[in-house]
Amino acid sequence: MEWTRGSMIGRGSTATVSVAMDVPSGELFAVKSTELSHSKLLQKEQNLLSKLSSPFIVKYRGFDIRNECNQPIYNLFMEYIPQGTLYDDIQRHGGRLEESLIRTYTRQILQGL
């Protein structure tokens, strides 16, 4: 896949998440990246996501390994959700969610399981 990395939208303990663009189509997606030597957890995530299909789970789009700054980088491609994560939504609401929204999220999480 031919793609370009955009701005970073998140950071975890071992990986960063960036917006990326598929060059031929212009479609945006998320890419979670880490050094290949530290990619065991990301590879497990890729293996799991590649087997799942649900409208309530972020969609898997593939992976690649490419050199960036003379370093092999493992990249996991996923659906881009512009609204962000559940954590982001909680932060936007001042650390609290209304009960109706909690019910909605809980239902969606359970449907994803």
PDB file of N, CA and C in Angstrom:
ATOM      1  N   MET A   1       0.849  -1.171   0.000  1.00  0.00           N
ATOM      2  CA  MET A   1       0.000   0.000   0.000  1.00  0.00           C
ATOM      3  C   MET A   1       0.897   1.238   0.000  1.00  0.00           C
ATOM      4  N   GLU A   2       0.573   2.192  -0.822  1.00  0.00           N
ATOM      5  CA  GLU A   2       1.312   3.456  -0.851  1.00  0.00           C
ATOM      6  C   GLU A   2       0.576   4.446   0.048  1.00  0.00           C
ATOM      7  N   TRP A   3       1.285   4.941   1.076  1.00  0.00           N
ATOM      8  CA  TRP A   3       0.642   5.820   2.037  1.00  0.00           C
ATOM      9  C   TRP A   3       1.630   6.842   2.575  1.00  0.00           C
ATOM     10  N   THR A   4       1.074   7.916   3.158  1.00  0.00           N
ATOM     11  CA  THR A   4       1.904   8.932   3.806  1.00  0.00           C
ATOM     12  C   THR A   4       1.395   9.153   5.221  1.00  0.00           C
ATOM     13  N   ARG A   5       2.339   9.402   6.131  1.00  0.00           N
ATOM     14  CA  ARG A   5       2.011   9.633   7.534  1.00  0.00           C
ATOM     15  C   ARG A   5       1.673  11.105   7.756  1.00  0.00           C
ATOM     16  N   GLY A   6       0.608  11.339   8.503  1.00  0.00           N
ATOM     17  CA  GLY A   6       0.225  12.693   8.886  1.00  0.00           C
ATOM     18  C   GLY A   6       0.589  12.955  10.337  1.00  0.00           C
ATOM     19  N   SER A   7      -0.207  13.757  11.000  1.00  0.00           N
ATOM     20  CA  SER A   7       0.097  14.162  12.369  1.00  0.00           C
ATOM     21  C   SER A   7      -0.187  13.043  13.373  1.00  0.00           C
ATOM     22  N   MET A   8       0.550  13.079  14.479  1.00  0.00           N
ATOM     23  CA  MET A   8       0.358  12.114  15.552  1.00  0.00           C
ATOM     24  C   MET A   8      -0.916  12.475  16.313  1.00  0.00           C
ATOM     25  N   ILE A   9      -1.755  11.471  16.584  1.00  0.00           N
ATOM     26  CA  ILE A   9      -3.003  11.710  17.310  1.00  0.00           C
ATOM     27  C   ILE A   9      -3.041  10.974  18.641  1.00  0.00           C
ATOM     28  N   GLY A  10      -2.027  10.160  18.922  1.00  0.00           N
ATOM     29  CA  GLY A  10      -1.992   9.438  20.187  1.00  0.00           C
ATOM     30  C   GLY A  10      -0.649   8.792  20.421  1.00  0.00           C
ATOM     31  N   ARG A  11      -0.415   8.469  21.688  1.00  0.00           N
ATOM     32  CA  ARG A  11       0.842   7.817  22.057  1.00  0.00           C
ATOM     33  C   ARG A  11       0.557   6.875  23.218  1.00  0.00           C
ATOM     34  N   GLY A  12       1.062   5.653  23.095  1.00  0.00           N
ATOM     35  CA  GLY A  12       0.955   4.675  24.164  1.00  0.00           C
ATOM     36  C   GLY A  12       2.327   4.383  24.727  1.00  0.00           C
ATOM     37  N   SER A  13       2.419   3.306  25.500  1.00  0.00           N
ATOM     38  CA  SER A  13       3.698   2.983  26.131  1.00  0.00           C
ATOM     39  C   SER A  13       4.723   2.474  25.125  1.00  0.00           C
ATOM     40  N   THR A  14       4.262   1.841  24.043  1.00  0.00           N
ATOM     41  CA  THR A  14       5.216   1.284  23.082  1.00  0.00           C
ATOM     42  C   THR A  14       4.995   1.735  21.647  1.00  0.00           C
ATOM     43  N   ALA A  15       3.928   2.477  21.387  1.00  0.00           N
ATOM     44  CA  ALA A  15       3.622   2.843  20.000  1.00  0.00           C
ATOM     45  C   ALA A  15       3.023   4.244  19.921  1.00  0.00           C
ATOM     46  N   THR A  16       3.072   4.803  18.723  1.00  0.00           N
ATOM     47  CA  THR A  16       2.398   6.070  18.447  1.00  0.00           C
ATOM     48  C   THR A  16       1.300   5.806  17.426  1.00  0.00           C
ATOM     49  N   VAL A  17       0.276   6.657  17.444  1.00  0.00           N
ATOM     50  CA  VAL A  17      -0.813   6.555  16.476  1.00  0.00           C
ATOM     51  C   VAL A  17      -0.856   7.859  15.693  1.00  0.00           C
ATOM     52  N   SER A  18      -0.888   7.731  14.380  1.00  0.00           N
ATOM     53  CA  SER A  18      -0.929   8.895  13.493  1.00  0.00           C
ATOM     54  C   SER A  18      -2.073   8.743  12.506  1.00  0.00           C
ATOM     55  N   VAL A  19      -2.525   9.876  11.994  1.00  0.00           N
ATOM     56  CA  VAL A  19      -3.423   9.852  10.845  1.00  0.00           C
ATOM     57  C   VAL A  19      -2.540   9.582   9.636  1.00  0.00           C
ATOM     58  N   ALA A  20      -3.029   8.793   8.708  1.00  0.00           N
ATOM     59  CA  ALA A  20      -2.288   8.508   7.482  1.00  0.00           C
ATOM     60  C   ALA A  20      -3.250   8.609   6.304  1.00  0.00           C
ATOM     61  N   MET A  21      -2.672   8.719   5.110  1.00  0.00           N
ATOM     62  CA  MET A  21      -3.500   8.822   3.917  1.00  0.00           C
ATOM     63  C   MET A  21      -3.045   7.809   2.878  1.00  0.00           C
ATOM     64  N   ASP A  22      -4.012   7.079   2.347  1.00  0.00           N
ATOM     65  CA  ASP A  22      -3.762   6.198   1.217  1.00  0.00           C
ATOM     66  C   ASP A  22      -3.555   7.090   0.001  1.00  0.00           C
ATOM     67  N   VAL A  23      -2.368   7.045  -0.599  1.00  0.00           N
ATOM     68  CA  VAL A  23      -2.024   7.983  -1.677  1.00  0.00           C
ATOM     69  C   VAL A  23      -2.952   7.854  -2.886  1.00  0.00           C
ATOM     70  N   PRO A  24      -3.200   6.641  -3.409  1.00  0.00           N
ATOM     71  CA  PRO A  24      -4.049   6.575  -4.608  1.00  0.00           C
ATOM     72  C   PRO A  24      -5.479   7.084  -4.398  1.00  0.00           C
ATOM     73  N   SER A  25      -6.084   6.758  -3.239  1.00  0.00           N
ATOM     74  CA  SER A  25      -7.498   7.096  -3.033  1.00  0.00           C
ATOM     75  C   SER A  25      -7.719   8.377  -2.236  1.00  0.00           C
ATOM     76  N   GLY A  26      -6.716   8.792  -1.456  1.00  0.00           N
ATOM     77  CA  GLY A  26      -6.878   9.951  -0.580  1.00  0.00           C
ATOM     78  C   GLY A  26      -7.619   9.630   0.706  1.00  0.00           C
ATOM     79  N   GLU A  27      -7.969   8.358   0.910  1.00  0.00           N
ATOM     80  CA  GLU A  27      -8.705   7.952   2.105  1.00  0.00           C
ATOM     81  C   GLU A  27      -7.802   8.019   3.337  1.00  0.00           C
ATOM     82  N   LEU A  28      -8.371   8.521   4.441  1.00  0.00           N
ATOM     83  CA  LEU A  28      -7.631   8.593   5.699  1.00  0.00           C
ATOM     84  C   LEU A  28      -7.798   7.297   6.481  1.00  0.00           C
ATOM     85  N   PHE A  29      -6.749   6.929   7.209  1.00  0.00           N
ATOM     86  CA  PHE A  29      -6.807   5.796   8.121  1.00  0.00           C
ATOM     87  C   PHE A  29      -5.847   6.084   9.268  1.00  0.00           C
ATOM     88  N   ALA A  30      -5.904   5.267  10.301  1.00  0.00           N
ATOM     89  CA  ALA A  30      -4.997   5.413  11.441  1.00  0.00           C
ATOM     90  C   ALA A  30      -3.870   4.400  11.293  1.00  0.00           C
ATOM     91  N   VAL A  31      -2.673   4.803  11.695  1.00  0.00           N
ATOM     92  CA  VAL A  31      -1.537   3.883  11.678  1.00  0.00           C
ATOM     93  C   VAL A  31      -0.887   3.901  13.058  1.00  0.00           C
ATOM     94  N   LYS A  32      -0.790   2.718  13.650  1.00  0.00           N
ATOM     95  CA  LYS A  32      -0.119   2.552  14.939  1.00  0.00           C
ATOM     96  C   LYS A  32       1.263   2.003  14.631  1.00  0.00           C
ATOM     97  N   SER A  33       2.305   2.668  15.120  1.00  0.00           N
ATOM     98  CA  SER A  33       3.677   2.346  14.715  1.00  0.00           C
ATOM     99  C   SER A  33       4.605   2.186  15.907  1.00  0.00           C
ATOM    100  N   THR A  34       5.558   1.271  15.747  1.00  0.00           N
ATOM    101  CA  THR A  34       6.613   1.086  16.734  1.00  0.00           C
ATOM    102  C   THR A  34       7.820   0.467  16.041  1.00  0.00           C
ATOM    103  N   GLU A  35       8.965   0.554  16.687  1.00  0.00           N
ATOM    104  CA  GLU A  35      10.161  -0.084  16.141  1.00  0.00           C
ATOM    105  C   GLU A  35       9.913  -1.588  16.034  1.00  0.00           C
ATOM    106  N   LEU A  36      10.382  -2.178  14.958  1.00  0.00           N
ATOM    107  CA  LEU A  36      10.165  -3.603  14.729  1.00  0.00           C
ATOM    108  C   LEU A  36      10.638  -4.435  15.921  1.00  0.00           C
ATOM    109  N   SER A  37      11.740  -4.049  16.527  1.00  0.00           N
ATOM    110  CA  SER A  37      12.289  -4.808  17.658  1.00  0.00           C
ATOM    111  C   SER A  37      11.396  -4.756  18.898  1.00  0.00           C
ATOM    112  N   HIS A  38      10.436  -3.833  18.937  1.00  0.00           N
ATOM    113  CA  HIS A  38       9.502  -3.698  20.064  1.00  0.00           C
ATOM    114  C   HIS A  38       8.055  -3.969  19.637  1.00  0.00           C
ATOM    115  N   SER A  39       7.865  -4.702  18.552  1.00  0.00           N
ATOM    116  CA  SER A  39       6.535  -4.799  17.943  1.00  0.00           C
ATOM    117  C   SER A  39       5.740  -6.055  18.301  1.00  0.00           C
ATOM    118  N   LYS A  40       6.200  -6.852  19.253  1.00  0.00           N
ATOM    119  CA  LYS A  40       5.513  -8.108  19.556  1.00  0.00           C
ATOM    120  C   LYS A  40       4.045  -7.881  19.929  1.00  0.00           C
ATOM    121  N   LEU A  41       3.756  -6.916  20.792  1.00  0.00           N
ATOM    122  CA  LEU A  41       2.365  -6.646  21.184  1.00  0.00           C
ATOM    123  C   LEU A  41       1.540  -6.139  20.008  1.00  0.00           C
ATOM    124  N   LEU A  42       2.135  -5.311  19.189  1.00  0.00           N
ATOM    125  CA  LEU A  42       1.435  -4.781  18.018  1.00  0.00           C
ATOM    126  C   LEU A  42       1.146  -5.903  17.014  1.00  0.00           C
ATOM    127  N   GLN A  43       2.044  -6.844  16.894  1.00  0.00           N
ATOM    128  CA  GLN A  43       1.818  -7.984  16.007  1.00  0.00           C
ATOM    129  C   GLN A  43       0.688  -8.869  16.539  1.00  0.00           C
ATOM    130  N   LYS A  44       0.604  -9.022  17.858  1.00  0.00           N
ATOM    131  CA  LYS A  44      -0.510  -9.766  18.450  1.00  0.00           C
ATOM    132  C   LYS A  44      -1.830  -9.042  18.191  1.00  0.00           C
ATOM    133  N   GLU A  45      -1.825  -7.714  18.324  1.00  0.00           N
ATOM    134  CA  GLU A  45      -3.018  -6.925  18.040  1.00  0.00           C
ATOM    135  C   GLU A  45      -3.430  -7.091  16.578  1.00  0.00           C
ATOM    136  N   GLN A  46      -2.456  -7.068  15.678  1.00  0.00           N
ATOM    137  CA  GLN A  46      -2.728  -7.256  14.249  1.00  0.00           C
ATOM    138  C   GLN A  46      -3.361  -8.619  14.003  1.00  0.00           C
ATOM    139  N   ASN A  47      -2.825  -9.640  14.622  1.00  0.00           N
ATOM    140  CA  ASN A  47      -3.349 -10.992  14.454  1.00  0.00           C
ATOM    141  C   ASN A  47      -4.802 -11.074  14.922  1.00  0.00           C
ATOM    142  N   LEU A  48      -5.113 -10.462  16.047  1.00  0.00           N
ATOM    143  CA  LEU A  48      -6.476 -10.468  16.575  1.00  0.00           C
ATOM    144  C   LEU A  48      -7.416  -9.650  15.694  1.00  0.00           C
ATOM    145  N   LEU A  49      -7.034  -8.411  15.379  1.00  0.00           N
ATOM    146  CA  LEU A  49      -7.900  -7.543  14.575  1.00  0.00           C
ATOM    147  C   LEU A  49      -8.190  -8.135  13.201  1.00  0.00           C
ATOM    148  N   SER A  50      -7.223  -8.835  12.630  1.00  0.00           N
ATOM    149  CA  SER A  50      -7.411  -9.404  11.289  1.00  0.00           C
ATOM    150  C   SER A  50      -8.478 -10.491  11.269  1.00  0.00           C
ATOM    151  N   LYS A  51      -8.829 -11.029  12.437  1.00  0.00           N
ATOM    152  CA  LYS A  51      -9.825 -12.097  12.526  1.00  0.00           C
ATOM    153  C   LYS A  51     -11.212 -11.591  12.911  1.00  0.00           C
ATOM    154  N   LEU A  52     -11.325 -10.306  13.253  1.00  0.00           N
ATOM    155  CA  LEU A  52     -12.589  -9.754  13.742  1.00  0.00           C
ATOM    156  C   LEU A  52     -13.311  -8.971  12.663  1.00  0.00           C
ATOM    157  N   SER A  53     -14.632  -9.003  12.738  1.00  0.00           N
ATOM    158  CA  SER A  53     -15.447  -8.205  11.833  1.00  0.00           C
ATOM    159  C   SER A  53     -16.732  -7.830  12.559  1.00  0.00           C
ATOM    160  N   SER A  54     -16.843  -6.583  12.945  1.00  0.00           N
ATOM    161  CA  SER A  54     -18.020  -6.086  13.652  1.00  0.00           C
ATOM    162  C   SER A  54     -18.101  -4.585  13.439  1.00  0.00           C
ATOM    163  N   PRO A  55     -19.314  -4.061  13.291  1.00  0.00           N
ATOM    164  CA  PRO A  55     -19.436  -2.601  13.174  1.00  0.00           C
ATOM    165  C   PRO A  55     -19.073  -1.884  14.472  1.00  0.00           C
ATOM    166  N   PHE A  56     -18.874  -2.643  15.552  1.00  0.00           N
ATOM    167  CA  PHE A  56     -18.565  -2.053  16.851  1.00  0.00           C
ATOM    168  C   PHE A  56     -17.095  -2.189  17.227  1.00  0.00           C
ATOM    169  N   ILE A  57     -16.283  -2.678  16.297  1.00  0.00           N
ATOM    170  CA  ILE A  57     -14.841  -2.818  16.516  1.00  0.00           C
ATOM    171  C   ILE A  57     -14.124  -2.107  15.375  1.00  0.00           C
ATOM    172  N   VAL A  58     -13.091  -1.361  15.719  1.00  0.00           N
ATOM    173  CA  VAL A  58     -12.330  -0.640  14.697  1.00  0.00           C
ATOM    174  C   VAL A  58     -11.853  -1.627  13.630  1.00  0.00           C
ATOM    175  N   LYS A  59     -11.960  -1.231  12.375  1.00  0.00           N
ATOM    176  CA  LYS A  59     -11.648  -2.133  11.263  1.00  0.00           C
ATOM    177  C   LYS A  59     -10.145  -2.199  10.991  1.00  0.00           C
ATOM    178  N   TYR A  60      -9.675  -3.410  10.769  1.00  0.00           N
ATOM    179  CA  TYR A  60      -8.288  -3.693  10.411  1.00  0.00           C
ATOM    180  C   TYR A  60      -8.100  -3.430   8.922  1.00  0.00           C
ATOM    181  N   ARG A  61      -6.999  -2.752   8.561  1.00  0.00           N
ATOM    182  CA  ARG A  61      -6.737  -2.438   7.148  1.00  0.00           C
ATOM    183  C   ARG A  61      -5.429  -3.025   6.626  1.00  0.00           C
ATOM    184  N   GLY A  62      -4.655  -3.660   7.487  1.00  0.00           N
ATOM    185  CA  GLY A  62      -3.410  -4.265   7.042  1.00  0.00           C
ATOM    186  C   GLY A  62      -2.226  -3.803   7.878  1.00  0.00           C
ATOM    187  N   PHE A  63      -1.030  -4.154   7.424  1.00  0.00           N
ATOM    188  CA  PHE A  63       0.191  -3.739   8.115  1.00  0.00           C
ATOM    189  C   PHE A  63       1.333  -3.725   7.112  1.00  0.00           C
ATOM    190  N   ASP A  64       2.405  -3.063   7.505  1.00  0.00           N
ATOM    191  CA  ASP A  64       3.642  -3.157   6.738  1.00  0.00           C
ATOM    192  C   ASP A  64       4.819  -2.893   7.652  1.00  0.00           C
ATOM    193  N   ILE A  65       5.984  -3.149   7.116  1.00  0.00           N
ATOM    194  CA  ILE A  65       7.242  -2.840   7.800  1.00  0.00           C
ATOM    195  C   ILE A  65       8.038  -2.012   6.810  1.00  0.00           C
ATOM    196  N   ARG A  66       8.439  -0.829   7.239  1.00  0.00           N
ATOM    197  CA  ARG A  66       9.246   0.003   6.342  1.00  0.00           C
ATOM    198  C   ARG A  66      10.299   0.738   7.154  1.00  0.00           C
ATOM    199  N   ASN A  67      11.361   1.119   6.474  1.00  0.00           N
ATOM    200  CA  ASN A  67      12.446   1.831   7.135  1.00  0.00           C
ATOM    201  C   ASN A  67      12.123   3.312   7.230  1.00  0.00           C
ATOM    202  N   GLU A  68      12.269   3.845   8.424  1.00  0.00           N
ATOM    203  CA  GLU A  68      12.127   5.276   8.663  1.00  0.00           C
ATOM    204  C   GLU A  68      13.330   5.690   9.503  1.00  0.00           C
ATOM    205  N   CYS A  69      14.093   6.633   9.006  1.00  0.00           N
ATOM    206  CA  CYS A  69      15.322   7.083   9.693  1.00  0.00           C
ATOM    207  C   CYS A  69      16.252   5.897   9.959  1.00  0.00           C
ATOM    208  N   ASN A  70      16.426   5.047   8.948  1.00  0.00           N
ATOM    209  CA  ASN A  70      17.301   3.871   9.030  1.00  0.00           C
ATOM    210  C   ASN A  70      16.896   2.897  10.127  1.00  0.00           C
ATOM    211  N   GLN A  71      15.621   2.862  10.468  1.00  0.00           N
ATOM    212  CA  GLN A  71      15.104   1.994  11.521  1.00  0.00           C
ATOM    213  C   GLN A  71      13.895   1.234  10.965  1.00  0.00           C
ATOM    214  N   PRO A  72      13.843  -0.113  11.080  1.00  0.00           N
ATOM    215  CA  PRO A  72      12.646  -0.821  10.628  1.00  0.00           C
ATOM    216  C   PRO A  72      11.475  -0.539  11.578  1.00  0.00           C
ATOM    217  N   ILE A  73      10.360  -0.087  11.002  1.00  0.00           N
ATOM    218  CA  ILE A  73       9.177   0.293  11.771  1.00  0.00           C
ATOM    219  C   ILE A  73       8.016  -0.612  11.378  1.00  0.00           C
ATOM    220  N   TYR A  74       7.345  -1.166  12.387  1.00  0.00           N
ATOM    221  CA  TYR A  74       6.152  -1.981  12.173  1.00  0.00           C
ATOM    222  C   TYR A  74       4.948  -1.054  12.231  1.00  0.00           C
ATOM    223  N   ASN A  75       4.113  -1.076  11.194  1.00  0.00           N
ATOM    224  CA  ASN A  75       2.948  -0.196  11.078  1.00  0.00           C
ATOM    225  C   ASN A  75       1.679  -1.024  10.968  1.00  0.00           C
ATOM    226  N   LEU A  76       0.737  -0.782  11.862  1.00  0.00           N
ATOM    227  CA  LEU A  76      -0.561  -1.449  11.858  1.00  0.00           C
ATOM    228  C   LEU A  76      -1.605  -0.451  11.373  1.00  0.00           C
ATOM    229  N   PHE A  77      -2.318  -0.782  10.299  1.00  0.00           N
ATOM    230  CA  PHE A  77      -3.291   0.119   9.686  1.00  0.00           C
ATOM    231  C   PHE A  77      -4.696  -0.222  10.169  1.00  0.00           C
ATOM    232  N   MET A  78      -5.417   0.809  10.616  1.00  0.00           N
ATOM    233  CA  MET A  78      -6.772   0.630  11.127  1.00  0.00           C
ATOM    234  C   MET A  78      -7.675   1.752  10.629  1.00  0.00           C
ATOM    235  N   GLU A  79      -8.957   1.511  10.759  1.00  0.00           N
ATOM    236  CA  GLU A  79      -9.958   2.525  10.440  1.00  0.00           C
ATOM    237  C   GLU A  79      -9.683   3.783  11.265  1.00  0.00           C
ATOM    238  N   TYR A  80      -9.822   4.943  10.635  1.00  0.00           N
ATOM    239  CA  TYR A  80      -9.660   6.218  11.337  1.00  0.00           C
ATOM    240  C   TYR A  80     -11.020   6.658  11.861  1.00  0.00           C
ATOM    241  N   ILE A  81     -11.105   6.900  13.153  1.00  0.00           N
ATOM    242  CA  ILE A  81     -12.331   7.379  13.794  1.00  0.00           C
ATOM    243  C   ILE A  81     -12.090   8.831  14.196  1.00  0.00           C
ATOM    244  N   PRO A  82     -12.601   9.799  13.422  1.00  0.00           N
ATOM    245  CA  PRO A  82     -12.298  11.209  13.698  1.00  0.00           C
ATOM    246  C   PRO A  82     -12.728  11.681  15.086  1.00  0.00           C
ATOM    247  N   GLN A  83     -13.764  11.048  15.653  1.00  0.00           N
ATOM    248  CA  GLN A  83     -14.238  11.468  16.977  1.00  0.00           C
ATOM    249  C   GLN A  83     -13.297  11.027  18.094  1.00  0.00           C
ATOM    250  N   GLY A  84     -12.373  10.148  17.788  1.00  0.00           N
ATOM    251  CA  GLY A  84     -11.414   9.691  18.785  1.00  0.00           C
ATOM    252  C   GLY A  84     -11.919   8.485  19.556  1.00  0.00           C
ATOM    253  N   THR A  85     -11.333   8.279  20.713  1.00  0.00           N
ATOM    254  CA  THR A  85     -11.623   7.111  21.534  1.00  0.00           C
ATOM    255  C   THR A  85     -12.684   7.427  22.580  1.00  0.00           C
ATOM    256  N   LEU A  86     -13.130   6.398  23.269  1.00  0.00           N
ATOM    257  CA  LEU A  86     -14.050   6.585  24.393  1.00  0.00           C
ATOM    258  C   LEU A  86     -13.402   7.491  25.439  1.00  0.00           C
ATOM    259  N   TYR A  87     -12.129   7.281  25.696  1.00  0.00           N
ATOM    260  CA  TYR A  87     -11.408   8.134  26.647  1.00  0.00           C
ATOM    261  C   TYR A  87     -11.460   9.598  26.208  1.00  0.00           C
ATOM    262  N   ASP A  88     -11.267   9.845  24.917  1.00  0.00           N
ATOM    263  CA  ASP A  88     -11.337  11.221  24.400  1.00  0.00           C
ATOM    264  C   ASP A  88     -12.708  11.831  24.665  1.00  0.00           C
ATOM    265  N   ASP A  89     -13.771  11.032  24.473  1.00  0.00           N
ATOM    266  CA  ASP A  89     -15.130  11.535  24.698  1.00  0.00           C
ATOM    267  C   ASP A  89     -15.352  11.852  26.176  1.00  0.00           C
ATOM    268  N   ILE A  90     -14.848  11.007  27.047  1.00  0.00           N
ATOM    269  CA  ILE A  90     -14.966  11.266  28.484  1.00  0.00           C
ATOM    270  C   ILE A  90     -14.250  12.567  28.834  1.00  0.00           C
ATOM    271  N   GLN A  91     -13.072  12.776  28.281  1.00  0.00           N
ATOM    272  CA  GLN A  91     -12.323  14.015  28.527  1.00  0.00           C
ATOM    273  C   GLN A  91     -13.091  15.235  28.020  1.00  0.00           C
ATOM    274  N   ARG A  92     -13.714  15.116  26.835  1.00  0.00           N
ATOM    275  CA  ARG A  92     -14.490  16.236  26.275  1.00  0.00           C
ATOM    276  C   ARG A  92     -15.671  16.605  27.159  1.00  0.00           C
ATOM    277  N   HIS A  93     -16.175  15.627  27.919  1.00  0.00           N
ATOM    278  CA  HIS A  93     -17.316  15.867  28.800  1.00  0.00           C
ATOM    279  C   HIS A  93     -16.866  16.126  30.244  1.00  0.00           C
ATOM    280  N   GLY A  94     -15.655  16.591  30.420  1.00  0.00           N
ATOM    281  CA  GLY A  94     -15.174  16.958  31.752  1.00  0.00           C
ATOM    282  C   GLY A  94     -14.949  15.788  32.685  1.00  0.00           C
ATOM    283  N   GLY A  95     -14.685  14.622  32.139  1.00  0.00           N
ATOM    284  CA  GLY A  95     -14.409  13.458  32.978  1.00  0.00           C
ATOM    285  C   GLY A  95     -15.650  12.675  33.362  1.00  0.00           C
ATOM    286  N   ARG A  96     -16.814  13.115  32.875  1.00  0.00           N
ATOM    287  CA  ARG A  96     -18.073  12.445  33.220  1.00  0.00           C
ATOM    288  C   ARG A  96     -18.926  12.277  31.977  1.00  0.00           C
ATOM    289  N   LEU A  97     -19.748  11.234  32.004  1.00  0.00           N
ATOM    290  CA  LEU A  97     -20.704  11.020  30.925  1.00  0.00           C
ATOM    291  C   LEU A  97     -22.097  10.887  31.523  1.00  0.00           C
ATOM    292  N   GLU A  98     -23.091  11.343  30.776  1.00  0.00           N
ATOM    293  CA  GLU A  98     -24.473  11.165  31.211  1.00  0.00           C
ATOM    294  C   GLU A  98     -24.817   9.684  31.166  1.00  0.00           C
ATOM    295  N   GLU A  99     -25.760   9.296  32.011  1.00  0.00           N
ATOM    296  CA  GLU A  99     -26.135   7.890  32.114  1.00  0.00           C
ATOM    297  C   GLU A  99     -26.589   7.316  30.770  1.00  0.00           C
ATOM    298  N   SER A 100     -27.326   8.091  29.991  1.00  0.00           N
ATOM    299  CA  SER A 100     -27.805   7.595  28.693  1.00  0.00           C
ATOM    300  C   SER A 100     -26.634   7.296  27.751  1.00  0.00           C
ATOM    301  N   LEU A 101     -25.604   8.120  27.797  1.00  0.00           N
ATOM    302  CA  LEU A 101     -24.427   7.895  26.959  1.00  0.00           C
ATOM    303  C   LEU A 101     -23.634   6.680  27.448  1.00  0.00           C
ATOM    304  N   ILE A 102     -23.579   6.509  28.760  1.00  0.00           N
ATOM    305  CA  ILE A 102     -22.915   5.328  29.326  1.00  0.00           C
ATOM    306  C   ILE A 102     -23.630   4.061  28.864  1.00  0.00           C
ATOM    307  N   ARG A 103     -24.973   4.085  28.876  1.00  0.00           N
ATOM    308  CA  ARG A 103     -25.742   2.927  28.405  1.00  0.00           C
ATOM    309  C   ARG A 103     -25.439   2.635  26.935  1.00  0.00           C
ATOM    310  N   THR A 104     -25.388   3.695  26.121  1.00  0.00           N
ATOM    311  CA  THR A 104     -25.102   3.526  24.694  1.00  0.00           C
ATOM    312  C   THR A 104     -23.732   2.900  24.484  1.00  0.00           C
ATOM    313  N   TYR A 105     -22.713   3.442  25.155  1.00  0.00           N
ATOM    314  CA  TYR A 105     -21.363   2.898  25.010  1.00  0.00           C
ATOM    315  C   TYR A 105     -21.280   1.461  25.520  1.00  0.00           C
ATOM    316  N   THR A 106     -21.927   1.185  26.648  1.00  0.00           N
ATOM    317  CA  THR A 106     -21.899  -0.169  27.205  1.00  0.00           C
ATOM    318  C   THR A 106     -22.535  -1.159  26.236  1.00  0.00           C
ATOM    319  N   ARG A 107     -23.666  -0.792  25.650  1.00  0.00           N
ATOM    320  CA  ARG A 107     -24.342  -1.648  24.679  1.00  0.00           C
ATOM    321  C   ARG A 107     -23.425  -1.915  23.481  1.00  0.00           C
ATOM    322  N   GLN A 108     -22.771  -0.867  22.983  1.00  0.00           N
ATOM    323  CA  GLN A 108     -21.891  -1.033  21.826  1.00  0.00           C
ATOM    324  C   GLN A 108     -20.679  -1.906  22.156  1.00  0.00           C
ATOM    325  N   ILE A 109     -20.133  -1.738  23.344  1.00  0.00           N
ATOM    326  CA  ILE A 109     -18.999  -2.572  23.762  1.00  0.00           C
ATOM    327  C   ILE A 109     -19.423  -4.035  23.829  1.00  0.00           C
ATOM    328  N   LEU A 110     -20.586  -4.293  24.428  1.00  0.00           N
ATOM    329  CA  LEU A 110     -21.071  -5.668  24.535  1.00  0.00           C
ATOM    330  C   LEU A 110     -21.382  -6.262  23.161  1.00  0.00           C
ATOM    331  N   GLN A 111     -21.921  -5.461  22.250  1.00  0.00           N
ATOM    332  CA  GLN A 111     -22.186  -5.952  20.901  1.00  0.00           C
ATOM    333  C   GLN A 111     -20.878  -6.280  20.177  1.00  0.00           C
ATOM    334  N   GLY A 112     -19.840  -5.528  20.464  1.00  0.00           N
ATOM    335  CA  GLY A 112     -18.535  -5.810  19.871  1.00  0.00           C
ATOM    336  C   GLY A 112     -17.931  -7.105  20.370  1.00  0.00           C
ATOM    337  N   LEU A 113     -18.269  -7.463  21.616  1.00  0.00           N
ATOM    338  CA  LEU A 113     -17.759  -8.719  22.181  1.00  0.00           C
ATOM    339  C   LEU A 113     -18.510  -9.898  21.604  1.00  0.00           C
TER     340      LEU A 113
END
